[in-house]
Amino acid sequence: MLLQLNTELIEKEAEKQGLNKTNLAKKLGISRMHLDRILSGSTPGNKAISAFLGVFNQYSFKELFFLPGVSQNSDTNKLNSTGTEGGA
């Protein structure tokens, strides 16, 4: 499964901050073309993930990124402390 950006959240936050896509890309330290690909559903690389976490640091990783097809609230999708699936 490939990690995806919560584009709805990012677009709302960018609008709140008065950032168009060009200025957002500059703030993130990535190209406008790279930003467009990520906003269109491409998997962000480590540099982009780090940049989004830094610029939008009021949000957690789980709020900014998701795995398509995986329920965000399901206990069956969480890992326990041993790294195995399940609750306990």
Protein backbone atom coordinates (compact mmCIF):
# COMPACT_ATOMS: atom_id res chain seq x y z
CA MET A 1 0.00 0.00 0.00
CA LEU A 2 1.16 3.48 -0.80
CA LEU A 3 1.04 6.43 1.55
CA GLN A 4 -1.03 9.40 0.41
CA LEU A 5 -1.35 12.98 1.54
CA ASN A 6 -4.59 14.30 3.02
CA THR A 7 -5.01 16.79 0.19
CA GLU A 8 -8.28 18.19 1.50
CA LEU A 9 -6.60 19.24 4.75
CA ILE A 10 -3.54 20.66 2.97
CA GLU A 11 -5.61 22.68 0.52
CA LYS A 12 -7.73 24.15 3.37
CA GLU A 13 -4.62 25.04 5.38
CA ALA A 14 -2.83 26.55 2.39
CA GLU A 15 -5.90 28.69 1.70
CA LYS A 16 -6.03 29.79 5.36
CA GLN A 17 -2.38 30.83 5.13
CA GLY A 18 -2.93 32.61 1.81
CA LEU A 19 -0.61 30.25 -0.06
CA ASN A 20 -1.11 29.38 -3.71
CA LYS A 21 0.49 26.19 -5.04
CA THR A 22 3.66 27.96 -6.14
CA ASN A 23 4.21 29.57 -2.73
CA LEU A 24 3.31 26.35 -0.92
CA ALA A 25 5.86 24.43 -2.99
CA LYS A 26 8.52 27.04 -2.15
CA LYS A 27 7.65 26.85 1.55
CA LEU A 28 7.91 23.06 1.41
CA GLY A 29 11.21 23.21 -0.50
CA ILE A 30 9.89 21.10 -3.40
CA SER A 31 9.09 21.95 -6.99
CA ARG A 32 5.61 23.02 -8.04
CA MET A 33 5.49 20.00 -10.37
CA HIS A 34 6.36 17.66 -7.48
CA LEU A 35 3.65 19.27 -5.33
CA ASP A 36 1.10 18.82 -8.12
CA ARG A 37 1.98 15.12 -8.40
CA ILE A 38 1.58 14.62 -4.65
CA LEU A 39 -1.72 16.51 -4.59
CA SER A 40 -2.89 14.30 -7.47
CA GLY A 41 -2.30 11.15 -5.42
CA SER A 42 1.33 10.21 -6.02
CA THR A 43 3.15 8.78 -3.02
CA PRO A 44 5.30 11.45 -1.36
CA GLY A 45 8.94 10.65 -0.76
CA ASN A 46 10.74 11.03 2.55
CA LYS A 47 11.82 14.62 1.81
CA ALA A 48 8.25 15.67 0.98
CA ILE A 49 6.83 13.87 4.02
CA SER A 50 9.34 15.64 6.25
CA ALA A 51 8.55 18.99 4.60
CA PHE A 52 4.79 18.61 5.08
CA LEU A 53 5.30 17.60 8.73
CA GLY A 54 7.50 20.67 9.27
CA VAL A 55 5.28 23.21 7.53
CA PHE A 56 2.04 21.82 8.93
CA ASN A 57 3.46 20.95 12.35
CA GLN A 58 0.15 21.62 14.09
CA TYR A 59 -1.06 18.32 12.61
CA SER A 60 0.06 14.78 13.40
CA PHE A 61 1.42 12.33 10.85
CA LYS A 62 -1.90 10.45 10.99
CA GLU A 63 -3.81 13.63 10.16
CA LEU A 64 -1.58 14.53 7.21
CA PHE A 65 -1.10 11.08 5.64
CA PHE A 66 -3.11 7.90 5.17
CA LEU A 67 -3.04 4.51 3.50
CA PRO A 68 -5.86 4.21 0.95
CA GLY A 69 -8.30 1.45 1.78
CA VAL A 70 -7.28 1.27 5.44
CA SER A 71 -9.79 2.49 8.00
CA GLN A 72 -8.22 5.16 10.17
CA ASN A 73 -10.33 4.23 13.21
CA SER A 74 -10.26 0.45 13.13
CA ASP A 75 -8.47 -1.34 15.99
CA THR A 76 -7.79 -4.26 13.67
CA ASN A 77 -5.48 -2.05 11.59
CA LYS A 78 -3.38 -0.90 14.54
CA LEU A 79 -0.12 -2.54 15.54
CA ASN A 80 0.47 -3.47 19.15
CA SER A 81 3.79 -2.94 20.91
CA THR A 82 5.22 -6.18 19.49
CA GLY A 83 4.58 -4.98 15.92
CA THR A 84 1.90 -7.57 15.18
CA GLU A 85 -1.61 -6.73 14.04
CA GLY A 86 -4.42 -6.69 16.52
CA GLY A 87 -5.29 -5.09 19.79
CA ALA A 88 -3.50 -6.97 22.56
